[in-house]
Protein backbone atom coordinates (compact mmCIF):
# COMPACT_ATOMS: atom_id res chain seq x y z
CA MET A 1 -34.91 -12.45 -4.56
CA GLY A 2 -32.34 -13.31 -7.25
CA LYS A 3 -32.26 -16.71 -8.78
CA THR A 4 -30.02 -19.20 -6.94
CA GLN A 5 -27.05 -20.28 -9.05
CA THR A 6 -25.69 -23.78 -8.88
CA LEU A 7 -21.97 -24.37 -8.61
CA PRO A 8 -20.42 -25.50 -11.96
CA ASP A 9 -18.64 -28.81 -12.21
CA TYR A 10 -15.04 -27.72 -12.81
CA PRO A 11 -12.28 -30.01 -14.17
CA ARG A 12 -10.72 -32.11 -11.50
CA GLY A 13 -7.15 -32.01 -12.88
CA LEU A 14 -5.94 -30.04 -9.86
CA THR A 15 -6.58 -30.77 -6.24
CA PHE A 16 -7.79 -28.18 -3.79
CA GLU A 17 -4.44 -28.44 -1.99
CA GLN A 18 -2.52 -27.65 -5.20
CA VAL A 19 -4.64 -24.64 -6.00
CA TRP A 20 -4.47 -23.38 -2.44
CA ALA A 21 -0.67 -23.85 -2.31
CA ALA A 22 -0.34 -21.78 -5.50
CA LEU A 23 -2.42 -19.04 -3.92
CA MET A 24 -0.22 -19.03 -0.83
CA GLU A 25 2.92 -18.80 -2.95
CA ASP A 26 1.51 -15.82 -4.88
CA ARG A 27 0.62 -14.15 -1.63
CA GLU A 28 4.17 -14.46 -0.30
CA GLN A 29 5.60 -13.17 -3.59
CA LEU A 30 3.26 -10.19 -3.41
CA LYS A 31 4.31 -9.40 0.16
CA GLU A 32 7.99 -9.74 -0.80
CA SER A 33 7.50 -7.31 -3.72
CA GLN A 34 5.84 -4.80 -1.41
CA ARG A 35 8.69 -5.11 1.13
CA GLU A 36 11.33 -4.72 -1.61
CA ALA A 37 9.64 -1.59 -2.98
CA ALA A 38 9.48 -0.07 0.51
CA LYS A 39 13.15 -0.95 1.13
CA ARG A 40 14.26 0.69 -2.16
CA ARG A 41 12.31 3.85 -1.33
CA GLU A 42 13.88 4.04 2.15
CA GLU A 43 17.37 3.57 0.68
CA MET A 44 16.77 6.40 -1.80
CA GLU A 45 15.52 8.74 0.92
CA ARG A 46 18.59 7.99 3.10
CA TRP A 47 20.90 8.60 0.12
CA MET A 48 19.24 11.95 -0.70
CA LYS A 49 19.45 13.07 2.94
CA LYS A 50 23.14 12.14 3.13
CA SER A 51 23.89 14.05 -0.12
CA ARG A 52 22.14 17.18 1.17
CA GLU A 53 23.95 17.02 4.51
CA GLU A 54 27.33 16.58 2.80
CA MET A 55 26.69 19.54 0.49
CA GLU A 56 25.60 21.77 3.39
CA ARG A 57 28.67 20.76 5.42
CA TRP A 58 31.04 21.55 2.56
CA MET A 59 29.42 24.95 1.89
CA LYS A 60 29.63 25.84 5.60
CA GLU A 61 33.32 24.92 5.76
CA SER A 62 34.05 26.85 2.56
CA ARG A 63 32.32 29.98 3.85
CA LYS A 64 34.17 29.72 7.18
CA GLU A 65 37.54 29.31 5.46
CA THR A 66 36.83 32.23 3.12
CA ASP A 67 35.77 34.52 5.98
CA ARG A 68 38.89 33.61 7.93
CA PHE A 69 41.15 34.24 4.96
CA LEU A 70 39.53 37.61 4.17
CA LYS A 71 39.85 38.71 7.80
CA GLU A 72 43.54 37.86 7.84
CA SER A 73 44.05 39.62 4.52
CA GLN A 74 42.39 42.81 5.82
CA GLN A 75 44.59 42.79 8.94
CA GLU A 76 47.68 42.21 6.86
CA THR A 77 46.68 45.02 4.48
CA ALA A 78 46.27 47.52 7.37
CA ARG A 79 49.70 46.66 8.71
CA ARG A 80 51.38 46.72 5.33
CA GLN A 81 50.00 50.23 4.59
CA GLU A 82 52.53 51.63 7.14
CA GLU A 83 55.48 49.90 5.52
CA THR A 84 57.53 50.62 2.42
CA ALA A 85 56.55 50.27 -1.22
CA ARG A 86 58.00 46.78 -1.13
CA GLN A 87 55.50 45.86 1.51
CA MET A 88 52.65 47.43 -0.60
CA LYS A 89 53.73 45.24 -3.49
CA GLU A 90 53.52 42.18 -1.24
CA THR A 91 50.07 43.26 -0.15
CA ASP A 92 49.01 43.52 -3.77
CA ARG A 93 50.32 40.03 -4.34
CA GLN A 94 48.31 38.72 -1.44
CA MET A 95 45.15 40.44 -2.74
CA LYS A 96 45.62 38.74 -6.08
CA GLU A 97 46.03 35.44 -4.23
CA THR A 98 42.76 36.12 -2.45
CA ASP A 99 41.01 36.73 -5.77
CA ARG A 100 42.40 33.49 -7.08
CA PHE A 101 41.17 31.62 -4.01
CA LEU A 102 37.67 33.13 -4.35
CA LYS A 103 37.57 32.26 -8.03
CA GLU A 104 38.59 28.70 -7.31
CA SER A 105 35.96 28.54 -4.56
CA GLN A 106 33.28 29.73 -6.98
CA GLN A 107 34.40 27.18 -9.56
CA GLU A 108 34.34 24.42 -6.95
CA THR A 109 30.88 25.52 -5.81
CA ALA A 110 29.65 25.46 -9.39
CA ARG A 111 31.15 21.99 -9.84
CA ARG A 112 29.44 20.71 -6.69
CA GLN A 113 26.12 22.23 -7.78
CA GLU A 114 26.40 20.52 -11.16
CA GLU A 115 27.27 17.23 -9.44
CA THR A 116 24.29 17.60 -7.12
CA ALA A 117 22.01 18.31 -10.09
CA LEU A 118 23.23 15.10 -11.75
CA GLN A 119 22.67 13.16 -8.53
CA MET A 120 19.14 14.59 -8.21
CA LYS A 121 18.46 13.62 -11.83
CA GLU A 122 19.62 10.07 -11.11
CA THR A 123 17.46 10.00 -7.99
CA ASP A 124 14.45 11.10 -10.04
CA ARG A 125 15.19 8.35 -12.56
CA ARG A 126 15.31 5.75 -9.79
CA MET A 127 12.07 7.05 -8.28
CA LYS A 128 10.35 6.77 -11.67
CA GLU A 129 11.69 3.24 -12.05
CA THR A 130 10.32 2.38 -8.59
CA ASP A 131 6.92 3.85 -9.52
CA ARG A 132 6.93 1.79 -12.74
CA LYS A 133 7.62 -1.40 -10.80
CA LEU A 134 4.92 -0.53 -8.29
CA ASN A 135 2.47 -0.05 -11.16
CA GLU A 136 3.46 -3.46 -12.51
CA ILE A 137 2.88 -4.94 -9.08
CA GLY A 138 -0.51 -3.21 -8.93
CA LYS A 139 -1.53 -4.62 -12.31
CA ARG A 140 -0.41 -8.09 -11.32
CA PHE A 141 -2.23 -7.75 -8.05
CA GLY A 142 -5.41 -6.72 -9.89
CA ASP A 143 -5.21 -9.80 -12.10
CA PHE A 144 -4.53 -11.92 -9.04
CA THR A 145 -7.58 -10.45 -7.27
CA ASN A 146 -9.87 -11.53 -10.11
CA SER A 147 -8.47 -15.05 -10.29
CA PHE A 148 -8.55 -15.40 -6.50
CA GLY A 149 -12.23 -14.45 -6.45
CA ASP A 150 -13.08 -17.10 -9.04
CA VAL A 151 -11.15 -19.82 -7.20
CA VAL A 152 -12.66 -19.00 -3.82
CA GLU A 153 -16.19 -18.90 -5.22
CA HIS A 154 -15.92 -22.36 -6.76
CA LEU A 155 -13.65 -24.20 -4.29
CA VAL A 156 -14.23 -22.52 -0.93
CA ALA A 157 -17.92 -21.57 -1.16
CA PRO A 158 -19.28 -25.14 -0.83
CA ASN A 159 -17.24 -25.66 2.36
CA LEU A 160 -18.64 -22.50 3.93
CA LEU A 161 -21.88 -24.35 4.72
CA GLU A 162 -20.00 -26.78 6.98
CA LYS A 163 -17.76 -24.06 8.43
CA PHE A 164 -20.69 -21.85 9.43
CA LYS A 165 -22.66 -24.85 10.72
CA ALA A 166 -19.93 -25.30 13.32
CA LEU A 167 -20.59 -21.69 14.34
CA GLY A 168 -24.33 -22.28 14.78
CA PHE A 169 -25.61 -21.25 11.32
CA ASP A 170 -27.40 -24.08 9.53
CA PHE A 171 -27.51 -22.79 5.95
CA GLU A 172 -29.11 -24.97 3.30
CA GLU A 173 -28.01 -23.21 0.10
CA ALA A 174 -24.84 -21.56 -1.23
CA SER A 175 -24.82 -19.53 -4.43
CA THR A 176 -22.17 -17.33 -6.04
CA ARG A 177 -22.41 -13.96 -7.74
CA HIS A 178 -25.93 -13.50 -6.46
CA LYS A 179 -27.38 -10.36 -8.07
CA ILE A 180 -30.08 -8.11 -6.61
CA ARG A 181 -31.91 -5.60 -8.87
CA ASN A 182 -34.76 -3.17 -8.22
CA LYS A 183 -34.81 -0.29 -10.71
CA LYS A 184 -37.85 1.38 -9.15
CA HIS A 185 -36.04 1.92 -5.84
CA ASP A 186 -32.55 2.27 -7.35
CA ILE A 187 -31.18 -0.87 -5.68
CA SER A 188 -28.46 -2.80 -7.50
CA PHE A 189 -25.62 -4.90 -6.07
CA GLU A 190 -23.94 -8.31 -6.32
CA ILE A 191 -23.09 -10.79 -3.56
CA ASP A 192 -19.93 -12.88 -4.07
CA VAL A 193 -21.26 -15.81 -1.98
CA PHE A 194 -24.85 -15.95 -0.66
CA LEU A 195 -25.69 -18.49 2.06
CA GLN A 196 -29.32 -18.86 3.11
CA ASN A 197 -32.06 -20.89 4.73
CA GLY A 198 -35.66 -20.13 5.63
CA ASP A 199 -35.07 -17.34 8.14
CA THR A 200 -31.36 -16.39 7.95
CA ALA A 201 -28.89 -15.39 5.22
CA MET A 202 -25.18 -14.57 5.13
CA LEU A 203 -23.63 -12.17 2.58
CA VAL A 204 -19.94 -12.97 1.97
CA GLU A 205 -17.62 -10.50 0.24
CA ILE A 206 -14.33 -11.85 -1.19
CA LYS A 207 -11.16 -9.76 -1.57
CA ALA A 208 -7.54 -10.71 -2.21
CA ASN A 209 -6.20 -7.73 -0.22
CA LEU A 210 -8.85 -6.63 2.27
CA THR A 211 -9.10 -2.88 3.02
CA ILE A 212 -11.18 -0.82 5.42
CA SER A 213 -12.94 0.66 2.38
CA ASP A 214 -13.98 -2.88 1.34
CA VAL A 215 -15.50 -3.43 4.79
CA ASN A 216 -17.41 -0.13 4.62
CA LYS A 217 -18.75 -1.01 1.17
CA HIS A 218 -19.96 -4.34 2.53
CA ILE A 219 -21.84 -2.48 5.29
CA THR A 220 -23.57 -0.42 2.59
CA ARG A 221 -24.35 -3.63 0.67
CA LEU A 222 -26.07 -5.14 3.71
CA GLU A 223 -28.06 -1.94 4.25
CA LYS A 224 -29.30 -2.20 0.66
CA MET A 225 -30.12 -5.86 1.23
CA ARG A 226 -32.24 -4.95 4.27
CA LYS A 227 -34.07 -2.26 2.28
CA TRP A 228 -34.71 -4.64 -0.63
CA ALA A 229 -35.99 -7.36 1.73
CA ASP A 230 -38.34 -4.94 3.53
CA LEU A 231 -39.85 -3.88 0.21
CA ARG A 232 -40.71 -7.53 -0.42
CA GLY A 233 -41.92 -8.30 3.08
CA ASP A 234 -38.88 -10.52 3.64
CA LYS A 235 -38.33 -10.80 7.41
CA ARG A 236 -35.14 -12.85 7.30
CA ARG A 237 -32.12 -11.86 9.38
CA PHE A 238 -29.04 -10.89 7.38
CA PHE A 239 -25.43 -11.24 8.56
CA GLY A 240 -22.13 -10.29 6.94
CA ALA A 241 -18.73 -11.92 6.39
CA VAL A 242 -15.61 -10.91 4.46
CA ALA A 243 -12.84 -13.12 3.10
CA GLY A 244 -9.28 -11.98 2.35
CA ILE A 245 -6.04 -13.73 1.49
CA VAL A 246 -4.03 -10.71 2.74
CA VAL A 247 -5.48 -9.09 5.87
CA GLU A 248 -3.36 -6.60 7.81
CA LYS A 249 -3.73 -6.06 11.57
CA ASP A 250 -5.73 -2.79 11.39
CA GLU A 251 -8.12 -4.17 8.77
CA ARG A 252 -8.60 -7.33 10.83
CA GLU A 253 -9.46 -5.37 13.98
CA TYR A 254 -11.82 -3.08 12.08
CA THR A 255 -13.65 -5.99 10.43
CA LEU A 256 -14.27 -7.86 13.68
CA ASN A 257 -15.33 -4.66 15.47
CA GLN A 258 -17.97 -4.04 12.78
CA GLY A 259 -19.74 -7.30 13.65
CA PHE A 260 -18.51 -9.24 10.61
CA PHE A 261 -17.16 -12.78 10.42
CA LEU A 262 -13.62 -12.85 9.01
CA ILE A 263 -12.52 -15.63 6.65
CA GLU A 264 -8.72 -16.06 6.36
CA PRO A 265 -6.37 -18.70 4.93
CA SER A 266 -4.66 -21.03 7.40
CA GLY A 267 -2.14 -23.46 5.95
CA GLU A 268 -3.95 -25.55 3.36
CA ASP A 269 -7.36 -24.63 4.75
CA TYR A 270 -9.05 -21.47 6.01
CA ASN A 271 -10.54 -20.32 9.29
CA ILE A 272 -13.61 -18.25 10.16
CA THR A 273 -13.18 -15.85 13.09
CA PRO A 274 -16.40 -14.61 14.75
CA PRO A 275 -16.72 -10.88 15.49
CA TYR A 276 -15.50 -9.59 18.83
CA ASN A 277 -19.01 -8.89 20.05
CA LYS A 278 -22.36 -10.26 18.97
CA PRO A 279 -22.56 -10.64 15.15
CA LYS A 280 -24.29 -7.58 13.70
CA GLU A 281 -27.71 -8.28 12.26
CA TRP A 282 -29.40 -6.37 9.46
């Protein structure tokens, strides 16, 4: 078993409430950024759809008007063929007018196509700008994830002992970044927060934005823990918990259905929700 790490004595310049409030504010800013990005993308899609529909409508009307005009010209030509040379001259004039109309239609079509191309270029520029901002958000979120993990490990971890005691788990020790290594059997993983006593242990995984993939990886981590313990003759029972500052509805349901405890922020504190059924034991 890895060596138990003691919690460092961090500066006491900030209170837990101040740190937690800052975390909550960052979370709301992150959600707002995500909503704004989604709104911009929806607005762009609506604008592109409207532009396409307007172009199609104009082309349809132009073709209809051209067909009507040509039909009338053909009828007029057939009638004028039976008249005098003066009438043939008028017919010729009308044919030239038709050519002019078609030429103008082609020029207008070309102008609309060029305008559409410019609009598509502008749309592409806006999409690239949106992608750039999303990348910036992703980078910021990655930095936030790292800092969140550090804060939770050193401020929340000690309180987990009392929180889990209220749920019937009397853990005696809490260590962070608990590493397990066994090169011979290719076992290597790290536990964000490791709670244990003589016959039971809890592996806690900490994420800023919890995903279903994170939950599945934690299942694999517990399977490795069971294998490592069996190799050592360790008969302890192992349970799992995940902590997240942003937990969507689907991820929450999935976590609790997998037999994990779910740790979530609640105001200036945090709550632990037991799994829907009996906690899964490894």
